[in-house]
mmCIF file of all heavy atoms, coordinates in Angstrom:
data_MODEL
# 
_entry.id   MODEL 
# 
loop_
_atom_site.group_PDB 
_atom_site.id 
_atom_site.type_symbol 
_atom_site.label_atom_id 
_atom_site.label_alt_id 
_atom_site.label_comp_id 
_atom_site.label_asym_id 
_atom_site.label_entity_id 
_atom_site.label_seq_id 
_atom_site.pdbx_PDB_ins_code 
_atom_site.Cartn_x 
_atom_site.Cartn_y 
_atom_site.Cartn_z 
_atom_site.occupancy 
_atom_site.B_iso_or_equiv 
_atom_site.pdbx_formal_charge 
_atom_site.auth_seq_id 
_atom_site.auth_comp_id 
_atom_site.auth_asym_id 
_atom_site.auth_atom_id 
_atom_site.pdbx_PDB_model_num 
ATOM 1   N N   . ASN A 1 1  ? 0.867  -1.172 -0.024  1.00 0.00 ? 1  ASN A N   1 
ATOM 2   C CA  . ASN A 1 1  ? 0.015  -0.009 0.030   1.00 0.00 ? 1  ASN A CA  1 
ATOM 3   C C   . ASN A 1 1  ? 0.890  1.279  0.030   1.00 0.00 ? 1  ASN A C   1 
ATOM 4   O O   . ASN A 1 1  ? 2.116  1.135  -0.155  1.00 0.00 ? 1  ASN A O   1 
ATOM 5   C CB  . ASN A 1 1  ? -0.918 -0.034 1.177   1.00 0.00 ? 1  ASN A CB  1 
ATOM 6   C CG  . ASN A 1 1  ? -0.258 -0.097 2.495   1.00 0.00 ? 1  ASN A CG  1 
ATOM 7   O OD1 . ASN A 1 1  ? 0.950  0.275  2.663   1.00 0.00 ? 1  ASN A OD1 1 
ATOM 8   N ND2 . ASN A 1 1  ? -0.976 -0.515 3.556   1.00 0.00 ? 1  ASN A ND2 1 
ATOM 9   N N   . GLN A 1 2  ? 0.227  2.407  0.145   1.00 0.00 ? 2  GLN A N   1 
ATOM 10  C CA  . GLN A 1 2  ? 0.984  3.684  0.104   1.00 0.00 ? 2  GLN A CA  1 
ATOM 11  C C   . GLN A 1 2  ? 2.022  3.758  1.297   1.00 0.00 ? 2  GLN A C   1 
ATOM 12  O O   . GLN A 1 2  ? 3.139  4.354  1.082   1.00 0.00 ? 2  GLN A O   1 
ATOM 13  C CB  . GLN A 1 2  ? 0.049  4.847  0.186   1.00 0.00 ? 2  GLN A CB  1 
ATOM 14  C CG  . GLN A 1 2  ? -0.706 5.044  -1.164  1.00 0.00 ? 2  GLN A CG  1 
ATOM 15  C CD  . GLN A 1 2  ? -1.633 6.236  -1.054  1.00 0.00 ? 2  GLN A CD  1 
ATOM 16  O OE1 . GLN A 1 2  ? -2.758 6.140  -0.528  1.00 0.00 ? 2  GLN A OE1 1 
ATOM 17  N NE2 . GLN A 1 2  ? -1.218 7.318  -1.479  1.00 0.00 ? 2  GLN A NE2 1 
ATOM 18  N N   . TYR A 1 3  ? 1.767  3.143  2.412   1.00 0.00 ? 3  TYR A N   1 
ATOM 19  C CA  . TYR A 1 3  ? 2.711  3.165  3.496   1.00 0.00 ? 3  TYR A CA  1 
ATOM 20  C C   . TYR A 1 3  ? 3.995  2.420  3.221   1.00 0.00 ? 3  TYR A C   1 
ATOM 21  O O   . TYR A 1 3  ? 5.202  2.785  3.442   1.00 0.00 ? 3  TYR A O   1 
ATOM 22  C CB  . TYR A 1 3  ? 2.030  2.666  4.734   1.00 0.00 ? 3  TYR A CB  1 
ATOM 23  C CG  . TYR A 1 3  ? 1.035  3.667  5.340   1.00 0.00 ? 3  TYR A CG  1 
ATOM 24  C CD1 . TYR A 1 3  ? -0.242 3.713  4.889   1.00 0.00 ? 3  TYR A CD1 1 
ATOM 25  C CD2 . TYR A 1 3  ? 1.383  4.615  6.232   1.00 0.00 ? 3  TYR A CD2 1 
ATOM 26  C CE1 . TYR A 1 3  ? -1.179 4.545  5.307   1.00 0.00 ? 3  TYR A CE1 1 
ATOM 27  C CE2 . TYR A 1 3  ? 0.527  5.515  6.818   1.00 0.00 ? 3  TYR A CE2 1 
ATOM 28  C CZ  . TYR A 1 3  ? -0.831 5.548  6.281   1.00 0.00 ? 3  TYR A CZ  1 
ATOM 29  O OH  . TYR A 1 3  ? -1.764 6.406  6.762   1.00 0.00 ? 3  TYR A OH  1 
ATOM 30  N N   . VAL A 1 4  ? 3.768  1.171  2.614   1.00 0.00 ? 4  VAL A N   1 
ATOM 31  C CA  . VAL A 1 4  ? 4.854  0.350  2.228   1.00 0.00 ? 4  VAL A CA  1 
ATOM 32  C C   . VAL A 1 4  ? 5.760  1.003  1.179   1.00 0.00 ? 4  VAL A C   1 
ATOM 33  O O   . VAL A 1 4  ? 6.978  1.081  1.264   1.00 0.00 ? 4  VAL A O   1 
ATOM 34  C CB  . VAL A 1 4  ? 4.364  -1.044 1.757   1.00 0.00 ? 4  VAL A CB  1 
ATOM 35  C CG1 . VAL A 1 4  ? 5.502  -1.924 1.094   1.00 0.00 ? 4  VAL A CG1 1 
ATOM 36  C CG2 . VAL A 1 4  ? 3.736  -1.844 2.881   1.00 0.00 ? 4  VAL A CG2 1 
ATOM 37  N N   . THR A 1 5  ? 5.066  1.507  0.125   1.00 0.00 ? 5  THR A N   1 
ATOM 38  C CA  . THR A 1 5  ? 5.755  2.143  -0.952  1.00 0.00 ? 5  THR A CA  1 
ATOM 39  C C   . THR A 1 5  ? 6.540  3.431  -0.420  1.00 0.00 ? 5  THR A C   1 
ATOM 40  O O   . THR A 1 5  ? 7.728  3.602  -0.789  1.00 0.00 ? 5  THR A O   1 
ATOM 41  C CB  . THR A 1 5  ? 4.791  2.644  -2.031  1.00 0.00 ? 5  THR A CB  1 
ATOM 42  O OG1 . THR A 1 5  ? 4.117  1.534  -2.579  1.00 0.00 ? 5  THR A OG1 1 
ATOM 43  C CG2 . THR A 1 5  ? 5.521  3.376  -3.171  1.00 0.00 ? 5  THR A CG2 1 
ATOM 44  N N   . LYS A 1 6  ? 5.918  4.178  0.414   1.00 0.00 ? 6  LYS A N   1 
ATOM 45  C CA  . LYS A 1 6  ? 6.606  5.314  0.986   1.00 0.00 ? 6  LYS A CA  1 
ATOM 46  C C   . LYS A 1 6  ? 7.815  4.901  1.893   1.00 0.00 ? 6  LYS A C   1 
ATOM 47  O O   . LYS A 1 6  ? 8.855  5.540  1.785   1.00 0.00 ? 6  LYS A O   1 
ATOM 48  C CB  . LYS A 1 6  ? 5.704  6.233  1.880   1.00 0.00 ? 6  LYS A CB  1 
ATOM 49  C CG  . LYS A 1 6  ? 6.280  7.481  2.429   1.00 0.00 ? 6  LYS A CG  1 
ATOM 50  C CD  . LYS A 1 6  ? 6.714  8.431  1.419   1.00 0.00 ? 6  LYS A CD  1 
ATOM 51  C CE  . LYS A 1 6  ? 5.586  9.074  0.755   1.00 0.00 ? 6  LYS A CE  1 
ATOM 52  N NZ  . LYS A 1 6  ? 6.081  10.188 -0.169  1.00 0.00 ? 6  LYS A NZ  1 
ATOM 53  N N   . ALA A 1 7  ? 7.676  3.815  2.600   1.00 0.00 ? 7  ALA A N   1 
ATOM 54  C CA  . ALA A 1 7  ? 8.759  3.342  3.382   1.00 0.00 ? 7  ALA A CA  1 
ATOM 55  C C   . ALA A 1 7  ? 9.911  2.905  2.571   1.00 0.00 ? 7  ALA A C   1 
ATOM 56  O O   . ALA A 1 7  ? 11.143 3.105  2.943   1.00 0.00 ? 7  ALA A O   1 
ATOM 57  C CB  . ALA A 1 7  ? 8.289  2.160  4.317   1.00 0.00 ? 7  ALA A CB  1 
ATOM 58  N N   . LYS A 1 8  ? 9.730  2.268  1.447   1.00 0.00 ? 8  LYS A N   1 
ATOM 59  C CA  . LYS A 1 8  ? 10.748 1.858  0.459   1.00 0.00 ? 8  LYS A CA  1 
ATOM 60  C C   . LYS A 1 8  ? 11.477 3.116  -0.071  1.00 0.00 ? 8  LYS A C   1 
ATOM 61  O O   . LYS A 1 8  ? 12.738 3.102  -0.119  1.00 0.00 ? 8  LYS A O   1 
ATOM 62  C CB  . LYS A 1 8  ? 10.214 1.060  -0.609  1.00 0.00 ? 8  LYS A CB  1 
ATOM 63  C CG  . LYS A 1 8  ? 9.840  -0.343 -0.262  1.00 0.00 ? 8  LYS A CG  1 
ATOM 64  C CD  . LYS A 1 8  ? 8.945  -1.003 -1.269  1.00 0.00 ? 8  LYS A CD  1 
ATOM 65  C CE  . LYS A 1 8  ? 9.502  -1.194 -2.626  1.00 0.00 ? 8  LYS A CE  1 
ATOM 66  N NZ  . LYS A 1 8  ? 8.646  -1.818 -3.588  1.00 0.00 ? 8  LYS A NZ  1 
ATOM 67  N N   . VAL A 1 9  ? 10.721 4.218  -0.409  1.00 0.00 ? 9  VAL A N   1 
ATOM 68  C CA  . VAL A 1 9  ? 11.332 5.333  -0.931  1.00 0.00 ? 9  VAL A CA  1 
ATOM 69  C C   . VAL A 1 9  ? 12.231 6.036  0.090   1.00 0.00 ? 9  VAL A C   1 
ATOM 70  O O   . VAL A 1 9  ? 13.318 6.428  -0.127  1.00 0.00 ? 9  VAL A O   1 
ATOM 71  C CB  . VAL A 1 9  ? 10.196 6.320  -1.442  1.00 0.00 ? 9  VAL A CB  1 
ATOM 72  C CG1 . VAL A 1 9  ? 10.863 7.781  -1.706  1.00 0.00 ? 9  VAL A CG1 1 
ATOM 73  C CG2 . VAL A 1 9  ? 9.477  5.700  -2.707  1.00 0.00 ? 9  VAL A CG2 1 
ATOM 74  N N   . LEU A 1 10 ? 11.704 6.091  1.340   1.00 0.00 ? 10 LEU A N   1 
ATOM 75  C CA  . LEU A 1 10 ? 12.433 6.667  2.428   1.00 0.00 ? 10 LEU A CA  1 
ATOM 76  C C   . LEU A 1 10 ? 13.676 5.870  2.880   1.00 0.00 ? 10 LEU A C   1 
ATOM 77  O O   . LEU A 1 10 ? 14.738 6.403  3.182   1.00 0.00 ? 10 LEU A O   1 
ATOM 78  C CB  . LEU A 1 10 ? 11.581 6.928  3.687   1.00 0.00 ? 10 LEU A CB  1 
ATOM 79  C CG  . LEU A 1 10 ? 10.483 8.009  3.533   1.00 0.00 ? 10 LEU A CG  1 
ATOM 80  C CD1 . LEU A 1 10 ? 9.523  8.031  4.740   1.00 0.00 ? 10 LEU A CD1 1 
ATOM 81  C CD2 . LEU A 1 10 ? 11.159 9.388  3.362   1.00 0.00 ? 10 LEU A CD2 1 
ATOM 82  N N   . ALA A 1 11 ? 13.466 4.532  2.816   1.00 0.00 ? 11 ALA A N   1 
ATOM 83  C CA  . ALA A 1 11 ? 14.687 3.681  3.154   1.00 0.00 ? 11 ALA A CA  1 
ATOM 84  C C   . ALA A 1 11 ? 15.885 3.951  2.166   1.00 0.00 ? 11 ALA A C   1 
ATOM 85  O O   . ALA A 1 11 ? 16.935 3.877  2.538   1.00 0.00 ? 11 ALA A O   1 
ATOM 86  C CB  . ALA A 1 11 ? 14.205 2.186  3.083   1.00 0.00 ? 11 ALA A CB  1 
ATOM 87  N N   . GLN A 1 12 ? 15.438 4.122  0.948   1.00 0.00 ? 12 GLN A N   1 
ATOM 88  C CA  . GLN A 1 12 ? 16.491 4.332  -0.093  1.00 0.00 ? 12 GLN A CA  1 
ATOM 89  C C   . GLN A 1 12 ? 17.126 5.697  0.106   1.00 0.00 ? 12 GLN A C   1 
ATOM 90  O O   . GLN A 1 12 ? 18.388 5.838  0.026   1.00 0.00 ? 12 GLN A O   1 
ATOM 91  C CB  . GLN A 1 12 ? 15.921 4.317  -1.463  1.00 0.00 ? 12 GLN A CB  1 
ATOM 92  C CG  . GLN A 1 12 ? 16.898 4.495  -2.636  1.00 0.00 ? 12 GLN A CG  1 
ATOM 93  C CD  . GLN A 1 12 ? 16.230 4.110  -3.996  1.00 0.00 ? 12 GLN A CD  1 
ATOM 94  O OE1 . GLN A 1 12 ? 16.378 2.911  -4.351  1.00 0.00 ? 12 GLN A OE1 1 
ATOM 95  N NE2 . GLN A 1 12 ? 15.679 4.963  -4.698  1.00 0.00 ? 12 GLN A NE2 1 
ATOM 96  N N   . SER A 1 13 ? 16.349 6.729  0.433   1.00 0.00 ? 13 SER A N   1 
ATOM 97  C CA  . SER A 1 13 ? 16.961 8.078  0.484   1.00 0.00 ? 13 SER A CA  1 
ATOM 98  C C   . SER A 1 13 ? 17.608 8.271  1.875   1.00 0.00 ? 13 SER A C   1 
ATOM 99  O O   . SER A 1 13 ? 18.656 8.951  1.932   1.00 0.00 ? 13 SER A O   1 
ATOM 100 C CB  . SER A 1 13 ? 15.864 9.178  0.403   1.00 0.00 ? 13 SER A CB  1 
ATOM 101 O OG  . SER A 1 13 ? 14.869 8.967  1.340   1.00 0.00 ? 13 SER A OG  1 
ATOM 102 N N   . MET A 1 14 ? 17.149 7.653  2.913   1.00 0.00 ? 14 MET A N   1 
ATOM 103 C CA  . MET A 1 14 ? 17.736 7.880  4.237   1.00 0.00 ? 14 MET A CA  1 
ATOM 104 C C   . MET A 1 14 ? 18.798 6.909  4.537   1.00 0.00 ? 14 MET A C   1 
ATOM 105 O O   . MET A 1 14 ? 19.866 7.363  5.231   1.00 0.00 ? 14 MET A O   1 
ATOM 106 C CB  . MET A 1 14 ? 16.706 7.723  5.319   1.00 0.00 ? 14 MET A CB  1 
ATOM 107 C CG  . MET A 1 14 ? 15.516 8.722  5.267   1.00 0.00 ? 14 MET A CG  1 
ATOM 108 S SD  . MET A 1 14 ? 14.064 8.326  6.329   1.00 0.00 ? 14 MET A SD  1 
ATOM 109 C CE  . MET A 1 14 ? 14.753 8.521  7.904   1.00 0.00 ? 14 MET A CE  1 
ATOM 110 N N   . PHE A 1 15 ? 18.782 5.663  4.114   1.00 0.00 ? 15 PHE A N   1 
ATOM 111 C CA  . PHE A 1 15 ? 19.847 4.704  4.541   1.00 0.00 ? 15 PHE A CA  1 
ATOM 112 C C   . PHE A 1 15 ? 20.597 3.984  3.367   1.00 0.00 ? 15 PHE A C   1 
ATOM 113 O O   . PHE A 1 15 ? 21.442 3.245  3.574   1.00 0.00 ? 15 PHE A O   1 
ATOM 114 C CB  . PHE A 1 15 ? 19.154 3.583  5.362   1.00 0.00 ? 15 PHE A CB  1 
ATOM 115 C CG  . PHE A 1 15 ? 18.214 4.097  6.404   1.00 0.00 ? 15 PHE A CG  1 
ATOM 116 C CD1 . PHE A 1 15 ? 16.865 3.789  6.408   1.00 0.00 ? 15 PHE A CD1 1 
ATOM 117 C CD2 . PHE A 1 15 ? 18.643 4.805  7.481   1.00 0.00 ? 15 PHE A CD2 1 
ATOM 118 C CE1 . PHE A 1 15 ? 16.040 4.242  7.363   1.00 0.00 ? 15 PHE A CE1 1 
ATOM 119 C CE2 . PHE A 1 15 ? 17.897 5.216  8.428   1.00 0.00 ? 15 PHE A CE2 1 
ATOM 120 C CZ  . PHE A 1 15 ? 16.589 5.036  8.408   1.00 0.00 ? 15 PHE A CZ  1 
ATOM 121 N N   . GLY A 1 16 ? 20.176 4.397  2.117   1.00 0.00 ? 16 GLY A N   1 
ATOM 122 C CA  . GLY A 1 16 ? 20.901 3.870  1.011   1.00 0.00 ? 16 GLY A CA  1 
ATOM 123 C C   . GLY A 1 16 ? 20.580 2.455  0.678   1.00 0.00 ? 16 GLY A C   1 
ATOM 124 O O   . GLY A 1 16 ? 21.275 1.734  -0.063  1.00 0.00 ? 16 GLY A O   1 
ATOM 125 N N   . THR A 1 17 ? 19.427 1.995  1.271   1.00 0.00 ? 17 THR A N   1 
ATOM 126 C CA  . THR A 1 17 ? 18.943 0.656  0.956   1.00 0.00 ? 17 THR A CA  1 
ATOM 127 C C   . THR A 1 17 ? 18.120 0.737  -0.432  1.00 0.00 ? 17 THR A C   1 
ATOM 128 O O   . THR A 1 17 ? 17.069 1.371  -0.504  1.00 0.00 ? 17 THR A O   1 
ATOM 129 C CB  . THR A 1 17 ? 18.042 0.069  2.033   1.00 0.00 ? 17 THR A CB  1 
ATOM 130 O OG1 . THR A 1 17 ? 18.714 0.243  3.239   1.00 0.00 ? 17 THR A OG1 1 
ATOM 131 C CG2 . THR A 1 17 ? 17.610 -1.367 1.794   1.00 0.00 ? 17 THR A CG2 1 
ATOM 132 N N   . ALA A 1 18 ? 18.645 0.043  -1.426  1.00 0.00 ? 18 ALA A N   1 
ATOM 133 C CA  . ALA A 1 18 ? 17.940 0.120  -2.754  1.00 0.00 ? 18 ALA A CA  1 
ATOM 134 C C   . ALA A 1 18 ? 16.606 -0.520 -2.729  1.00 0.00 ? 18 ALA A C   1 
ATOM 135 O O   . ALA A 1 18 ? 16.318 -1.350 -1.801  1.00 0.00 ? 18 ALA A O   1 
ATOM 136 C CB  . ALA A 1 18 ? 18.838 -0.548 -3.788  1.00 0.00 ? 18 ALA A CB  1 
ATOM 137 N N   . MET A 1 19 ? 15.743 -0.119 -3.585  1.00 0.00 ? 19 MET A N   1 
ATOM 138 C CA  . MET A 1 19 ? 14.465 -0.770 -3.745  1.00 0.00 ? 19 MET A CA  1 
ATOM 139 C C   . MET A 1 19 ? 14.203 -1.034 -5.287  1.00 0.00 ? 19 MET A C   1 
ATOM 140 O O   . MET A 1 19 ? 14.946 -0.576 -6.143  1.00 0.00 ? 19 MET A O   1 
ATOM 141 C CB  . MET A 1 19 ? 13.324 0.230  -3.360  1.00 0.00 ? 19 MET A CB  1 
ATOM 142 C CG  . MET A 1 19 ? 13.196 1.508  -4.200  1.00 0.00 ? 19 MET A CG  1 
ATOM 143 S SD  . MET A 1 19 ? 11.630 2.425  -3.846  1.00 0.00 ? 19 MET A SD  1 
ATOM 144 C CE  . MET A 1 19 ? 11.846 3.797  -4.935  1.00 0.00 ? 19 MET A CE  1 
ATOM 145 N N   . ASP A 1 20 ? 13.280 -2.061 -5.408  1.00 0.00 ? 20 ASP A N   1 
ATOM 146 C CA  . ASP A 1 20 ? 12.907 -2.402 -6.833  1.00 0.00 ? 20 ASP A CA  1 
ATOM 147 C C   . ASP A 1 20 ? 12.328 -1.296 -7.639  1.00 0.00 ? 20 ASP A C   1 
ATOM 148 O O   . ASP A 1 20 ? 12.839 -0.945 -8.630  1.00 0.00 ? 20 ASP A O   1 
ATOM 149 C CB  . ASP A 1 20 ? 12.072 -3.653 -6.757  1.00 0.00 ? 20 ASP A CB  1 
ATOM 150 C CG  . ASP A 1 20 ? 10.803 -3.634 -5.855  1.00 0.00 ? 20 ASP A CG  1 
ATOM 151 O OD1 . ASP A 1 20 ? 10.594 -2.593 -5.196  1.00 0.00 ? 20 ASP A OD1 1 
ATOM 152 O OD2 . ASP A 1 20 ? 9.976  -4.491 -5.825  1.00 0.00 ? 20 ASP A OD2 1 
ATOM 153 N N   . MET A 1 21 ? 11.296 -0.686 -7.060  1.00 0.00 ? 21 MET A N   1 
ATOM 154 C CA  . MET A 1 21 ? 10.537 0.406  -7.634  1.00 0.00 ? 21 MET A CA  1 
ATOM 155 C C   . MET A 1 21 ? 9.484  0.770  -6.717  1.00 0.00 ? 21 MET A C   1 
ATOM 156 O O   . MET A 1 21 ? 9.105  0.037  -5.850  1.00 0.00 ? 21 MET A O   1 
ATOM 157 C CB  . MET A 1 21 ? 9.922  -0.059 -8.914  1.00 0.00 ? 21 MET A CB  1 
ATOM 158 C CG  . MET A 1 21 ? 8.681  -0.937 -8.802  1.00 0.00 ? 21 MET A CG  1 
ATOM 159 S SD  . MET A 1 21 ? 8.337  -2.009 -10.206 1.00 0.00 ? 21 MET A SD  1 
ATOM 160 C CE  . MET A 1 21 ? 9.435  -3.361 -9.878  1.00 0.00 ? 21 MET A CE  1 
ATOM 161 N N   . PRO A 1 22 ? 8.794  1.969  -6.971  1.00 0.00 ? 22 PRO A N   1 
ATOM 162 C CA  . PRO A 1 22 ? 7.493  2.222  -6.282  1.00 0.00 ? 22 PRO A CA  1 
ATOM 163 C C   . PRO A 1 22 ? 6.418  1.297  -6.834  1.00 0.00 ? 22 PRO A C   1 
ATOM 164 O O   . PRO A 1 22 ? 6.108  1.386  -7.999  1.00 0.00 ? 22 PRO A O   1 
ATOM 165 C CB  . PRO A 1 22 ? 7.292  3.731  -6.569  1.00 0.00 ? 22 PRO A CB  1 
ATOM 166 C CG  . PRO A 1 22 ? 8.513  4.323  -7.078  1.00 0.00 ? 22 PRO A CG  1 
ATOM 167 C CD  . PRO A 1 22 ? 9.204  3.122  -7.814  1.00 0.00 ? 22 PRO A CD  1 
ATOM 168 N N   . ALA A 1 23 ? 5.939  0.408  -6.010  1.00 0.00 ? 23 ALA A N   1 
ATOM 169 C CA  . ALA A 1 23 ? 5.046  -0.610 -6.449  1.00 0.00 ? 23 ALA A CA  1 
ATOM 170 C C   . ALA A 1 23 ? 3.842  -0.678 -5.612  1.00 0.00 ? 23 ALA A C   1 
ATOM 171 O O   . ALA A 1 23 ? 3.751  -1.487 -4.691  1.00 0.00 ? 23 ALA A O   1 
ATOM 172 C CB  . ALA A 1 23 ? 5.766  -1.916 -6.521  1.00 0.00 ? 23 ALA A CB  1 
ATOM 173 N N   . GLY A 1 24 ? 2.804  0.089  -5.902  1.00 0.00 ? 24 GLY A N   1 
ATOM 174 C CA  . GLY A 1 24 ? 1.553  -0.001 -5.194  1.00 0.00 ? 24 GLY A CA  1 
ATOM 175 C C   . GLY A 1 24 ? 1.105  1.378  -4.802  1.00 0.00 ? 24 GLY A C   1 
ATOM 176 O O   . GLY A 1 24 ? 1.875  2.341  -4.680  1.00 0.00 ? 24 GLY A O   1 
ATOM 177 N N   . PRO A 1 25 ? -0.148 1.592  -4.589  1.00 0.00 ? 25 PRO A N   1 
ATOM 178 C CA  . PRO A 1 25 ? -1.304 0.655  -4.852  1.00 0.00 ? 25 PRO A CA  1 
ATOM 179 C C   . PRO A 1 25 ? -1.526 0.421  -6.331  1.00 0.00 ? 25 PRO A C   1 
ATOM 180 O O   . PRO A 1 25 ? -0.897 0.989  -7.128  1.00 0.00 ? 25 PRO A O   1 
ATOM 181 C CB  . PRO A 1 25 ? -2.510 1.465  -4.271  1.00 0.00 ? 25 PRO A CB  1 
ATOM 182 C CG  . PRO A 1 25 ? -1.895 2.393  -3.288  1.00 0.00 ? 25 PRO A CG  1 
ATOM 183 C CD  . PRO A 1 25 ? -0.633 2.834  -3.946  1.00 0.00 ? 25 PRO A CD  1 
ATOM 184 N N   . SER A 1 26 ? -2.289 -0.716 -6.557  1.00 0.00 ? 26 SER A N   1 
ATOM 185 C CA  . SER A 1 26 ? -2.456 -1.226 -7.923  1.00 0.00 ? 26 SER A CA  1 
ATOM 186 C C   . SER A 1 26 ? -3.318 -0.477 -8.774  1.00 0.00 ? 26 SER A C   1 
ATOM 187 O O   . SER A 1 26 ? -4.253 0.209  -8.330  1.00 0.00 ? 26 SER A O   1 
ATOM 188 C CB  . SER A 1 26 ? -2.799 -2.786 -7.802  1.00 0.00 ? 26 SER A CB  1 
ATOM 189 O OG  . SER A 1 26 ? -2.599 -3.458 -8.940  1.00 0.00 ? 26 SER A OG  1 
# 
């Protein structure tokens, strides 16, 4: 959902943890 997607984006920008893509909601 939007919370998971936002968390992935923030994880990438804050900690350098890469993500596959913004994926969701569908």
